[in-house]
Amino acid sequence: MFTGLVIAVGDVQAVRDLAAGRLLSVGHGGGEFSGLSVGDSVAVSGVCLTAVSVQPASASFEVAAETLSLTTLGDLRPGNRVNLELPLRASDRLGGHFVQGHVDGCGEVLEAGGADDDYRLSVRHREPRWIVRKGSVAIDGVSLTVAAASPGEACFEVMLIPHTRTATTLGALRKGDRVNLEYDILAKYVGALVGTPGAG
């Protein structure tokens, strides 16, 4: 379980095809990752992955073929930057929202820009029933509040404060870029309980 509060931006160092997926090596620079061990979970741009090899300043992850096809991880190449987060500890504050690292699908950036105090991303997606104004959504692993959305419309807006733009990869997004989306797990559970089509 994660909170969507990115603690570092890593860089993809190597990508190698495997028989059933791909090996992704990511530089993390140490710091909070200095205690990372083989078998630990890390959210990489919103996707929960297991470390299969750990070095002082990097780690490698095996990414299954299904994950490559359902997320943006299949697009990654050496030099690309990714958002990184370690799992929530029982003693941590929940500063974002509950994020599982189980991406629901990819969205497309329709617009990106604005003034420093009103910088917005507009994202097209396929599941409008899970998005409500002032609700939560994770974009590339970053917990964000929905700034604008209309029921049934296949797009929504979020506002990015300057810190979020510089401390994550979201400030570099441009029109046409694909992003990983994870909808609020609470909304999905409620949908399952009340029988919303496609829930669960």
N, C-alpha and C. Protein backbone atom coordinates (compact mmCIF):
# COMPACT_ATOMS: atom_id res chain seq x y z
N MET A 1 0.84 -1.19 0.00
CA MET A 1 0.00 0.00 0.00
C MET A 1 0.88 1.24 0.00
N PHE A 2 0.51 2.22 -0.83
CA PHE A 2 1.25 3.47 -0.96
C PHE A 2 0.30 4.64 -0.67
N THR A 3 0.84 5.85 -0.69
CA THR A 3 0.00 7.02 -0.46
C THR A 3 0.00 7.99 -1.63
N GLY A 4 0.83 7.75 -2.63
CA GLY A 4 0.90 8.66 -3.76
C GLY A 4 1.76 9.87 -3.51
N LEU A 5 2.60 9.82 -2.46
CA LEU A 5 3.54 10.91 -2.19
C LEU A 5 4.93 10.46 -2.64
N VAL A 6 5.34 10.91 -3.79
CA VAL A 6 6.60 10.50 -4.41
C VAL A 6 7.77 10.99 -3.55
N ILE A 7 8.74 10.09 -3.30
CA ILE A 7 9.89 10.48 -2.48
C ILE A 7 11.15 10.70 -3.30
N ALA A 8 11.14 10.27 -4.57
CA ALA A 8 12.31 10.49 -5.43
C ALA A 8 11.91 10.31 -6.88
N VAL A 9 12.65 10.95 -7.75
CA VAL A 9 12.53 10.71 -9.19
C VAL A 9 13.76 9.94 -9.62
N GLY A 10 13.55 8.75 -10.16
CA GLY A 10 14.65 7.92 -10.61
C GLY A 10 14.84 8.00 -12.10
N ASP A 11 15.93 7.40 -12.59
CA ASP A 11 16.19 7.37 -14.03
C ASP A 11 16.36 5.93 -14.47
N VAL A 12 15.76 5.63 -15.60
CA VAL A 12 15.87 4.28 -16.17
C VAL A 12 17.29 4.11 -16.70
N GLN A 13 18.00 3.12 -16.19
CA GLN A 13 19.38 2.90 -16.59
C GLN A 13 19.52 1.83 -17.67
N ALA A 14 18.64 0.83 -17.62
CA ALA A 14 18.72 -0.24 -18.61
C ALA A 14 17.37 -0.93 -18.72
N VAL A 15 17.09 -1.43 -19.91
CA VAL A 15 15.88 -2.20 -20.19
C VAL A 15 16.29 -3.43 -20.98
N ARG A 16 15.94 -4.61 -20.44
CA ARG A 16 16.33 -5.85 -21.13
C ARG A 16 15.14 -6.79 -21.22
N ASP A 17 14.89 -7.29 -22.44
CA ASP A 17 13.79 -8.22 -22.64
C ASP A 17 14.08 -9.57 -22.00
N LEU A 18 13.04 -10.15 -21.40
CA LEU A 18 13.12 -11.48 -20.81
C LEU A 18 12.18 -12.40 -21.58
N ALA A 19 12.21 -13.68 -21.25
CA ALA A 19 11.34 -14.64 -21.94
C ALA A 19 9.87 -14.29 -21.76
N ALA A 20 9.50 -13.77 -20.57
CA ALA A 20 8.11 -13.45 -20.30
C ALA A 20 8.00 -12.09 -19.63
N GLY A 21 8.56 -11.06 -20.26
CA GLY A 21 8.49 -9.73 -19.70
C GLY A 21 9.73 -8.93 -19.98
N ARG A 22 10.14 -8.12 -19.01
CA ARG A 22 11.27 -7.22 -19.22
C ARG A 22 11.93 -6.92 -17.88
N LEU A 23 13.25 -6.76 -17.90
CA LEU A 23 14.00 -6.38 -16.71
C LEU A 23 14.26 -4.88 -16.79
N LEU A 24 13.82 -4.17 -15.76
CA LEU A 24 13.92 -2.72 -15.72
C LEU A 24 14.88 -2.34 -14.60
N SER A 25 15.96 -1.66 -14.95
CA SER A 25 16.92 -1.19 -13.96
C SER A 25 16.77 0.31 -13.78
N VAL A 26 16.59 0.73 -12.52
CA VAL A 26 16.28 2.12 -12.22
C VAL A 26 17.25 2.68 -11.18
N GLY A 27 17.85 3.81 -11.48
CA GLY A 27 18.69 4.49 -10.51
C GLY A 27 17.85 5.26 -9.53
N HIS A 28 18.12 5.11 -8.23
CA HIS A 28 17.33 5.82 -7.22
C HIS A 28 18.18 6.75 -6.36
N GLY A 29 19.50 6.68 -6.47
CA GLY A 29 20.37 7.62 -5.78
C GLY A 29 20.59 7.35 -4.31
N GLY A 30 20.10 6.21 -3.79
CA GLY A 30 20.31 5.92 -2.37
C GLY A 30 19.32 6.65 -1.51
N GLY A 31 19.82 7.39 -0.53
CA GLY A 31 18.93 8.14 0.36
C GLY A 31 17.95 7.23 1.08
N GLU A 32 16.66 7.53 0.94
CA GLU A 32 15.63 6.72 1.60
C GLU A 32 15.58 5.29 1.07
N PHE A 33 16.23 5.06 -0.06
CA PHE A 33 16.23 3.71 -0.63
C PHE A 33 17.44 2.89 -0.19
N SER A 34 18.25 3.45 0.69
CA SER A 34 19.48 2.76 1.10
C SER A 34 19.19 1.44 1.80
N GLY A 35 18.03 1.30 2.41
CA GLY A 35 17.68 0.06 3.09
C GLY A 35 16.90 -0.92 2.24
N LEU A 36 16.77 -0.63 0.96
CA LEU A 36 16.00 -1.50 0.06
C LEU A 36 16.65 -2.87 -0.06
N SER A 37 15.83 -3.92 -0.02
CA SER A 37 16.32 -5.29 -0.13
C SER A 37 15.60 -6.02 -1.25
N VAL A 38 16.20 -7.09 -1.72
CA VAL A 38 15.55 -7.96 -2.71
C VAL A 38 14.22 -8.44 -2.12
N GLY A 39 13.17 -8.35 -2.91
CA GLY A 39 11.84 -8.75 -2.45
C GLY A 39 10.98 -7.60 -1.99
N ASP A 40 11.58 -6.43 -1.78
CA ASP A 40 10.81 -5.26 -1.36
C ASP A 40 10.00 -4.70 -2.52
N SER A 41 8.90 -4.04 -2.18
CA SER A 41 8.05 -3.41 -3.18
C SER A 41 8.42 -1.94 -3.36
N VAL A 42 8.33 -1.48 -4.59
CA VAL A 42 8.54 -0.07 -4.91
C VAL A 42 7.50 0.32 -5.96
N ALA A 43 6.89 1.48 -5.78
CA ALA A 43 5.98 2.00 -6.81
C ALA A 43 6.82 2.77 -7.83
N VAL A 44 6.80 2.29 -9.07
CA VAL A 44 7.55 2.92 -10.16
C VAL A 44 6.54 3.56 -11.10
N SER A 45 6.47 4.88 -11.06
CA SER A 45 5.44 5.62 -11.82
C SER A 45 4.06 5.04 -11.58
N GLY A 46 3.81 4.69 -10.32
CA GLY A 46 2.48 4.22 -9.94
C GLY A 46 2.26 2.74 -10.02
N VAL A 47 3.24 1.98 -10.49
CA VAL A 47 3.10 0.52 -10.64
C VAL A 47 3.89 -0.17 -9.55
N CYS A 48 3.25 -1.00 -8.76
CA CYS A 48 3.93 -1.72 -7.69
C CYS A 48 4.78 -2.84 -8.29
N LEU A 49 6.10 -2.75 -8.08
CA LEU A 49 7.03 -3.74 -8.59
C LEU A 49 7.87 -4.30 -7.45
N THR A 50 8.41 -5.51 -7.65
CA THR A 50 9.25 -6.16 -6.65
C THR A 50 10.70 -6.09 -7.09
N ALA A 51 11.56 -5.64 -6.18
CA ALA A 51 12.99 -5.56 -6.48
C ALA A 51 13.58 -6.97 -6.54
N VAL A 52 14.25 -7.29 -7.65
CA VAL A 52 14.87 -8.60 -7.80
C VAL A 52 16.39 -8.50 -7.70
N SER A 53 16.92 -7.29 -7.75
CA SER A 53 18.34 -7.04 -7.59
C SER A 53 18.51 -5.63 -7.05
N VAL A 54 19.40 -5.48 -6.07
CA VAL A 54 19.57 -4.18 -5.42
C VAL A 54 21.04 -3.82 -5.37
N GLN A 55 21.35 -2.59 -5.79
CA GLN A 55 22.69 -2.03 -5.71
C GLN A 55 22.61 -0.75 -4.86
N PRO A 56 23.73 -0.18 -4.44
CA PRO A 56 23.69 1.00 -3.56
C PRO A 56 22.86 2.17 -4.10
N ALA A 57 22.87 2.37 -5.41
CA ALA A 57 22.17 3.52 -5.97
C ALA A 57 21.16 3.14 -7.04
N SER A 58 20.83 1.85 -7.15
CA SER A 58 19.88 1.42 -8.17
C SER A 58 19.23 0.11 -7.77
N ALA A 59 18.20 -0.26 -8.50
CA ALA A 59 17.52 -1.53 -8.28
C ALA A 59 16.94 -2.01 -9.60
N SER A 60 16.75 -3.32 -9.71
CA SER A 60 16.18 -3.89 -10.91
C SER A 60 14.87 -4.60 -10.58
N PHE A 61 13.95 -4.55 -11.53
CA PHE A 61 12.62 -5.10 -11.35
C PHE A 61 12.23 -5.92 -12.57
N GLU A 62 11.64 -7.10 -12.35
CA GLU A 62 11.08 -7.87 -13.45
C GLU A 62 9.63 -7.41 -13.66
N VAL A 63 9.33 -7.03 -14.89
CA VAL A 63 7.99 -6.53 -15.22
C VAL A 63 7.30 -7.54 -16.12
N ALA A 64 6.16 -8.05 -15.68
CA ALA A 64 5.43 -9.06 -16.44
C ALA A 64 4.89 -8.49 -17.74
N ALA A 65 4.67 -9.35 -18.71
CA ALA A 65 4.17 -8.92 -20.02
C ALA A 65 2.83 -8.21 -19.90
N GLU A 66 1.96 -8.70 -19.02
CA GLU A 66 0.65 -8.06 -18.84
C GLU A 66 0.81 -6.64 -18.33
N THR A 67 1.72 -6.45 -17.38
CA THR A 67 1.96 -5.11 -16.84
C THR A 67 2.50 -4.19 -17.92
N LEU A 68 3.38 -4.70 -18.76
CA LEU A 68 3.93 -3.90 -19.85
C LEU A 68 2.83 -3.44 -20.80
N SER A 69 1.84 -4.30 -21.02
CA SER A 69 0.78 -3.98 -21.98
C SER A 69 -0.29 -3.05 -21.40
N LEU A 70 -0.46 -3.05 -20.06
CA LEU A 70 -1.53 -2.29 -19.44
C LEU A 70 -1.08 -0.95 -18.85
N THR A 71 0.23 -0.71 -18.83
CA THR A 71 0.77 0.52 -18.24
C THR A 71 1.75 1.18 -19.22
N THR A 72 2.31 2.29 -18.79
CA THR A 72 3.30 2.98 -19.63
C THR A 72 4.70 2.40 -19.46
N LEU A 73 4.87 1.41 -18.58
CA LEU A 73 6.22 0.87 -18.37
C LEU A 73 6.79 0.22 -19.62
N GLY A 74 5.93 -0.25 -20.49
CA GLY A 74 6.39 -0.83 -21.74
C GLY A 74 7.01 0.20 -22.68
N ASP A 75 6.76 1.49 -22.43
CA ASP A 75 7.32 2.57 -23.26
C ASP A 75 8.68 3.05 -22.78
N LEU A 76 9.08 2.61 -21.57
CA LEU A 76 10.29 3.18 -20.96
C LEU A 76 11.56 2.77 -21.70
N ARG A 77 12.48 3.73 -21.79
CA ARG A 77 13.78 3.52 -22.41
C ARG A 77 14.85 4.12 -21.50
N PRO A 78 16.10 3.71 -21.64
CA PRO A 78 17.17 4.31 -20.83
C PRO A 78 17.16 5.84 -20.93
N GLY A 79 17.27 6.50 -19.79
CA GLY A 79 17.23 7.95 -19.74
C GLY A 79 15.90 8.52 -19.32
N ASN A 80 14.82 7.74 -19.46
CA ASN A 80 13.52 8.20 -19.01
C ASN A 80 13.51 8.35 -17.49
N ARG A 81 12.70 9.27 -16.99
CA ARG A 81 12.58 9.50 -15.56
C ARG A 81 11.28 8.89 -15.04
N VAL A 82 11.32 8.38 -13.81
CA VAL A 82 10.15 7.72 -13.23
C VAL A 82 9.97 8.19 -11.78
N ASN A 83 8.72 8.23 -11.33
CA ASN A 83 8.42 8.55 -9.95
C ASN A 83 8.59 7.31 -9.09
N LEU A 84 9.18 7.49 -7.90
CA LEU A 84 9.44 6.36 -7.01
C LEU A 84 8.83 6.62 -5.63
N GLU A 85 8.25 5.56 -5.07
CA GLU A 85 7.71 5.63 -3.72
C GLU A 85 7.87 4.29 -3.03
N LEU A 86 8.24 4.32 -1.76
CA LEU A 86 8.31 3.12 -0.95
C LEU A 86 6.96 2.88 -0.28
N PRO A 87 6.65 1.65 0.11
CA PRO A 87 5.35 1.36 0.71
C PRO A 87 5.13 2.10 2.03
N LEU A 88 3.87 2.30 2.34
CA LEU A 88 3.46 2.93 3.58
C LEU A 88 3.77 2.03 4.76
N ARG A 89 4.37 2.59 5.81
CA ARG A 89 4.58 1.87 7.06
C ARG A 89 3.41 2.16 8.00
N ALA A 90 3.16 1.25 8.93
CA ALA A 90 2.03 1.40 9.84
C ALA A 90 2.13 2.69 10.65
N SER A 91 3.35 3.18 10.88
CA SER A 91 3.55 4.38 11.70
C SER A 91 3.53 5.67 10.89
N ASP A 92 3.43 5.57 9.56
CA ASP A 92 3.47 6.76 8.71
C ASP A 92 2.16 7.53 8.73
N ARG A 93 2.27 8.83 8.43
CA ARG A 93 1.07 9.63 8.21
C ARG A 93 0.55 9.37 6.80
N LEU A 94 -0.76 9.35 6.66
CA LEU A 94 -1.37 9.16 5.34
C LEU A 94 -1.59 10.54 4.72
N GLY A 95 -0.56 11.02 4.03
CA GLY A 95 -0.63 12.37 3.50
C GLY A 95 -1.35 12.48 2.17
N GLY A 96 -1.43 11.39 1.42
CA GLY A 96 -2.12 11.42 0.13
C GLY A 96 -3.45 10.68 0.25
N HIS A 97 -3.58 9.58 -0.48
CA HIS A 97 -4.74 8.70 -0.32
C HIS A 97 -4.26 7.27 -0.53
N PHE A 98 -5.12 6.30 -0.25
CA PHE A 98 -4.71 4.90 -0.40
C PHE A 98 -4.46 4.58 -1.87
N VAL A 99 -3.23 4.23 -2.19
CA VAL A 99 -2.83 3.87 -3.56
C VAL A 99 -2.24 2.47 -3.51
N GLN A 100 -2.77 1.57 -4.30
CA GLN A 100 -2.31 0.18 -4.27
C GLN A 100 -1.12 -0.10 -5.17
N GLY A 101 -0.92 0.73 -6.18
CA GLY A 101 0.10 0.42 -7.17
C GLY A 101 -0.42 -0.54 -8.23
N HIS A 102 -1.75 -0.70 -8.27
CA HIS A 102 -2.41 -1.54 -9.28
C HIS A 102 -3.08 -0.62 -10.28
N VAL A 103 -2.38 -0.32 -11.35
CA VAL A 103 -2.85 0.65 -12.34
C VAL A 103 -4.10 0.14 -13.04
N ASP A 104 -5.10 1.03 -13.16
CA ASP A 104 -6.36 0.66 -13.82
C ASP A 104 -6.29 0.80 -15.33
N GLY A 105 -5.38 1.61 -15.81
CA GLY A 105 -5.27 1.82 -17.25
C GLY A 105 -4.47 3.07 -17.53
N CYS A 106 -4.34 3.39 -18.79
CA CYS A 106 -3.57 4.56 -19.21
C CYS A 106 -4.49 5.68 -19.65
N GLY A 107 -4.09 6.90 -19.37
CA GLY A 107 -4.79 8.07 -19.86
C GLY A 107 -3.89 8.84 -20.81
N GLU A 108 -4.45 9.84 -21.46
CA GLU A 108 -3.69 10.67 -22.39
C GLU A 108 -3.80 12.13 -21.99
N VAL A 109 -2.68 12.82 -21.93
CA VAL A 109 -2.68 14.24 -21.60
C VAL A 109 -3.24 15.02 -22.78
N LEU A 110 -4.32 15.78 -22.51
CA LEU A 110 -4.93 16.61 -23.55
C LEU A 110 -4.35 18.02 -23.54
N GLU A 111 -4.09 18.53 -22.36
CA GLU A 111 -3.49 19.85 -22.21
C GLU A 111 -2.61 19.85 -20.97
N ALA A 112 -1.56 20.66 -20.99
CA ALA A 112 -0.69 20.82 -19.84
C ALA A 112 -0.14 22.23 -19.85
N GLY A 113 -0.40 22.98 -18.77
CA GLY A 113 0.15 24.32 -18.71
C GLY A 113 -0.70 25.25 -17.89
N GLY A 114 -0.28 26.52 -17.88
CA GLY A 114 -0.99 27.54 -17.11
C GLY A 114 -0.03 28.33 -16.25
N ALA A 115 -0.57 29.24 -15.47
CA ALA A 115 0.22 30.06 -14.57
C ALA A 115 0.71 29.21 -13.40
N ASP A 116 1.74 29.70 -12.71
CA ASP A 116 2.30 28.96 -11.58
C ASP A 116 1.25 28.58 -10.56
N ASP A 117 0.30 29.50 -10.31
CA ASP A 117 -0.71 29.23 -9.29
C ASP A 117 -1.96 28.57 -9.86
N ASP A 118 -1.94 28.24 -11.14
CA ASP A 118 -3.09 27.56 -11.75
C ASP A 118 -2.63 26.71 -12.93
N TYR A 119 -1.62 25.86 -12.67
CA TYR A 119 -1.07 24.98 -13.69
C TYR A 119 -1.89 23.70 -13.71
N ARG A 120 -2.42 23.33 -14.84
CA ARG A 120 -3.36 22.22 -14.89
C ARG A 120 -2.97 21.17 -15.93
N LEU A 121 -3.35 19.94 -15.61
CA LEU A 121 -3.30 18.84 -16.56
C LEU A 121 -4.73 18.43 -16.88
N SER A 122 -5.03 18.28 -18.14
CA SER A 122 -6.30 17.73 -18.57
C SER A 122 -6.02 16.35 -19.15
N VAL A 123 -6.71 15.33 -18.64
CA VAL A 123 -6.42 13.94 -19.00
C VAL A 123 -7.66 13.24 -19.53
N ARG A 124 -7.50 12.61 -20.71
CA ARG A 124 -8.58 11.78 -21.26
C ARG A 124 -8.42 10.36 -20.72
N HIS A 125 -9.54 9.73 -20.35
CA HIS A 125 -9.48 8.38 -19.79
C HIS A 125 -10.76 7.62 -20.14
N ARG A 126 -10.81 6.35 -19.72
CA ARG A 126 -11.91 5.48 -20.15
C ARG A 126 -12.92 5.14 -19.06
N GLU A 127 -12.71 5.63 -17.84
CA GLU A 127 -13.57 5.21 -16.73
C GLU A 127 -14.13 6.42 -15.99
N PRO A 128 -15.00 7.21 -16.62
CA PRO A 128 -15.50 8.43 -15.98
C PRO A 128 -16.30 8.17 -14.70
N ARG A 129 -16.82 6.94 -14.52
CA ARG A 129 -17.62 6.69 -13.32
C ARG A 129 -16.80 6.72 -12.04
N TRP A 130 -15.46 6.61 -12.14
CA TRP A 130 -14.63 6.59 -10.94
C TRP A 130 -14.06 7.96 -10.58
N ILE A 131 -14.37 8.98 -11.37
CA ILE A 131 -13.80 10.31 -11.15
C ILE A 131 -14.90 11.27 -10.72
N VAL A 132 -14.68 11.95 -9.59
CA VAL A 132 -15.61 12.99 -9.14
C VAL A 132 -14.80 14.22 -8.75
N ARG A 133 -15.38 15.38 -8.91
CA ARG A 133 -14.72 16.62 -8.53
C ARG A 133 -14.40 16.60 -7.03
N LYS A 134 -13.19 16.96 -6.69
CA LYS A 134 -12.64 16.96 -5.33
C LYS A 134 -12.32 15.55 -4.82
N GLY A 135 -12.48 14.55 -5.68
CA GLY A 135 -12.07 13.20 -5.32
C GLY A 135 -10.58 13.02 -5.58
N SER A 136 -10.11 11.79 -5.38
CA SER A 136 -8.67 11.50 -5.54
C SER A 136 -8.41 10.63 -6.76
N VAL A 137 -7.23 10.82 -7.34
CA VAL A 137 -6.75 9.98 -8.43
C VAL A 137 -5.23 9.97 -8.37
N ALA A 138 -4.62 8.86 -8.77
CA ALA A 138 -3.16 8.79 -8.85
C ALA A 138 -2.75 8.82 -10.32
N ILE A 139 -1.91 9.79 -10.67
CA ILE A 139 -1.37 9.89 -12.03
C ILE A 139 0.12 9.61 -11.96
N ASP A 140 0.56 8.56 -12.63
CA ASP A 140 1.96 8.12 -12.57
C ASP A 140 2.44 8.00 -11.12
N GLY A 141 1.52 7.54 -10.26
CA GLY A 141 1.87 7.30 -8.87
C GLY A 141 1.76 8.50 -7.95
N VAL A 142 1.32 9.64 -8.47
CA VAL A 142 1.22 10.87 -7.67
C VAL A 142 -0.23 11.08 -7.25
N SER A 143 -0.46 11.18 -5.94
CA SER A 143 -1.80 11.43 -5.42
C SER A 143 -2.22 12.86 -5.72
N LEU A 144 -3.37 13.01 -6.39
CA LEU A 144 -3.85 14.33 -6.79
C LEU A 144 -5.35 14.45 -6.52
N THR A 145 -5.79 15.69 -6.35
CA THR A 145 -7.21 15.98 -6.19
C THR A 145 -7.79 16.42 -7.52
N VAL A 146 -8.93 15.85 -7.88
CA VAL A 146 -9.58 16.21 -9.14
C VAL A 146 -10.12 17.63 -9.03
N ALA A 147 -9.66 18.50 -9.89
CA ALA A 147 -10.07 19.91 -9.86
C ALA A 147 -11.34 20.16 -10.66
N ALA A 148 -11.52 19.40 -11.72
CA ALA A 148 -12.71 19.58 -12.57
C ALA A 148 -13.04 18.27 -13.25
N ALA A 149 -14.32 17.95 -13.22
CA ALA A 149 -14.82 16.75 -13.90
C ALA A 149 -16.33 16.86 -13.98
N SER A 150 -16.87 16.37 -15.08
CA SER A 150 -18.31 16.34 -15.25
C SER A 150 -18.76 14.89 -15.36
N PRO A 151 -19.87 14.53 -14.72
CA PRO A 151 -20.35 13.15 -14.76
C PRO A 151 -20.48 12.63 -16.19
N GLY A 152 -19.89 11.48 -16.43
CA GLY A 152 -20.02 10.85 -17.74
C GLY A 152 -19.02 11.32 -18.77
N GLU A 153 -18.25 12.38 -18.47
CA GLU A 153 -17.27 12.87 -19.42
C GLU A 153 -15.96 12.11 -19.28
N ALA A 154 -15.35 11.79 -20.40
CA ALA A 154 -14.13 10.96 -20.39
C ALA A 154 -12.87 11.80 -20.28
N CYS A 155 -12.92 12.87 -19.48
CA CYS A 155 -11.72 13.65 -19.21
C CYS A 155 -11.89 14.35 -17.87
N PHE A 156 -10.77 14.69 -17.25
CA PHE A 156 -10.80 15.40 -15.98
C PHE A 156 -9.57 16.29 -15.90
N GLU A 157 -9.58 17.23 -14.94
CA GLU A 157 -8.46 18.14 -14.74
C GLU A 157 -7.93 18.01 -13.32
N VAL A 158 -6.62 18.15 -13.18
CA VAL A 158 -5.98 18.29 -11.87
C VAL A 158 -5.10 19.51 -11.92
N MET A 159 -4.88 20.11 -10.75
CA MET A 159 -4.00 21.27 -10.66
C MET A 159 -2.69 20.83 -10.02
N LEU A 160 -1.57 21.28 -10.57
CA LEU A 160 -0.25 20.93 -10.05
C LEU A 160 0.39 22.17 -9.42
N ILE A 161 0.69 22.08 -8.13
CA ILE A 161 1.42 23.17 -7.49
C ILE A 161 2.89 23.10 -7.94
N PRO A 162 3.64 24.20 -7.80
CA PRO A 162 5.04 24.19 -8.25
C PRO A 162 5.86 23.05 -7.66
N HIS A 163 5.66 22.72 -6.38
CA HIS A 163 6.43 21.64 -5.76
C HIS A 163 6.19 20.32 -6.48
N THR A 164 4.95 20.01 -6.80
CA THR A 164 4.63 18.75 -7.48
C THR A 164 5.27 18.71 -8.86
N ARG A 165 5.30 19.85 -9.55
CA ARG A 165 5.89 19.88 -10.89
C ARG A 165 7.39 19.63 -10.85
N THR A 166 8.06 20.09 -9.79
CA THR A 166 9.51 19.92 -9.73
C THR A 166 9.94 18.64 -9.02
N ALA A 167 9.13 18.13 -8.11
CA ALA A 167 9.51 16.96 -7.31
C ALA A 167 9.05 15.64 -7.93
N THR A 168 8.30 15.71 -9.04
CA THR A 168 7.84 14.51 -9.74
C THR A 168 8.06 14.70 -11.24
N THR A 169 7.68 13.71 -12.00
CA THR A 169 7.81 13.81 -13.46
C THR A 169 6.65 14.55 -14.11
N LEU A 170 5.63 14.92 -13.34
CA LEU A 170 4.42 15.48 -13.94
C LEU A 170 4.64 16.83 -14.59
N GLY A 171 5.61 17.60 -14.10
CA GLY A 171 5.87 18.91 -14.69
C GLY A 171 6.41 18.84 -16.11
N ALA A 172 6.91 17.67 -16.51
CA ALA A 172 7.47 17.51 -17.86
C ALA A 172 6.45 16.95 -18.85
N LEU A 173 5.24 16.64 -18.37
CA LEU A 173 4.24 16.07 -19.27
C LEU A 173 3.77 17.08 -20.30
N ARG A 174 3.53 16.59 -21.50
CA ARG A 174 3.06 17.43 -22.59
C ARG A 174 1.88 16.77 -23.29
N LYS A 175 1.18 17.53 -24.10
CA LYS A 175 0.02 17.03 -24.83
C LYS A 175 0.40 15.77 -25.61
N GLY A 176 -0.41 14.73 -25.46
CA GLY A 176 -0.19 13.47 -26.17
C GLY A 176 0.54 12.43 -25.35
N ASP A 177 1.15 12.82 -24.24
CA ASP A 177 1.85 11.84 -23.39
C ASP A 177 0.85 10.90 -22.73
N ARG A 178 1.26 9.66 -22.55
CA ARG A 178 0.45 8.67 -21.84
C ARG A 178 0.85 8.65 -20.37
N VAL A 179 -0.13 8.41 -19.51
CA VAL A 179 0.13 8.36 -18.07
C VAL A 179 -0.60 7.16 -17.47
N ASN A 180 -0.03 6.63 -16.38
CA ASN A 180 -0.69 5.57 -15.63
C ASN A 180 -1.74 6.17 -14.70
N LEU A 181 -2.91 5.56 -14.66
CA LEU A 181 -4.00 6.04 -13.81
C LEU A 181 -4.43 4.94 -12.84
N GLU A 182 -4.56 5.31 -11.58
CA GLU A 182 -5.19 4.43 -10.60
C GLU A 182 -6.29 5.22 -9.92
N TYR A 183 -7.51 4.71 -10.04
CA TYR A 183 -8.65 5.38 -9.44
C TYR A 183 -8.73 5.05 -7.95
N ASP A 184 -9.46 5.87 -7.22
CA ASP A 184 -9.58 5.72 -5.77
C ASP A 184 -10.19 4.36 -5.43
N ILE A 185 -9.46 3.55 -4.66
CA ILE A 185 -9.92 2.22 -4.30
C ILE A 185 -11.24 2.27 -3.54
N LEU A 186 -11.47 3.32 -2.75
CA LEU A 186 -12.72 3.43 -2.02
C LEU A 186 -13.90 3.57 -2.98
N ALA A 187 -13.71 4.35 -4.04
CA ALA A 187 -14.77 4.51 -5.04
C ALA A 187 -15.07 3.18 -5.72
N LYS A 188 -14.04 2.40 -5.99
CA LYS A 188 -14.25 1.11 -6.67
C LYS A 188 -14.96 0.11 -5.77
N TYR A 189 -14.63 0.12 -4.48
CA TYR A 189 -15.32 -0.78 -3.55
C TYR A 189 -16.79 -0.39 -3.40
N VAL A 190 -17.06 0.91 -3.29
CA VAL A 190 -18.45 1.35 -3.21
C VAL A 190 -19.21 0.95 -4.47
N GLY A 191 -18.55 1.12 -5.62
CA GLY A 191 -19.19 0.74 -6.88
C GLY A 191 -19.52 -0.75 -6.91
N ALA A 192 -18.61 -1.59 -6.38
CA ALA A 192 -18.85 -3.02 -6.34
C ALA A 192 -20.02 -3.36 -5.43
N LEU A 193 -20.12 -2.65 -4.31
CA LEU A 193 -21.19 -2.92 -3.34
C LEU A 193 -22.57 -2.55 -3.88
N VAL A 194 -22.62 -1.46 -4.66
CA VAL A 194 -23.90 -1.01 -5.17
C VAL A 194 -24.19 -1.52 -6.57
N GLY A 195 -23.26 -2.31 -7.09
CA GLY A 195 -23.50 -2.97 -8.37
C GLY A 195 -23.21 -2.13 -9.58
N THR A 196 -22.26 -1.18 -9.48
CA THR A 196 -21.88 -0.39 -10.64
C THR A 196 -21.23 -1.28 -11.69
N PRO A 197 -21.68 -1.24 -12.97
CA PRO A 197 -21.08 -2.08 -14.00
C PRO A 197 -19.58 -1.86 -14.10
N GLY A 198 -18.83 -2.95 -14.16
CA GLY A 198 -17.39 -2.87 -14.33
C GLY A 198 -16.63 -2.76 -13.02
N ALA A 199 -17.32 -2.64 -11.90
CA ALA A 199 -16.65 -2.54 -10.62
C ALA A 199 -16.13 -3.90 -10.19
N GLY A 200 -14.91 -3.88 -9.62
CA GLY A 200 -14.34 -5.11 -9.06
C GLY A 200 -13.70 -5.93 -10.09
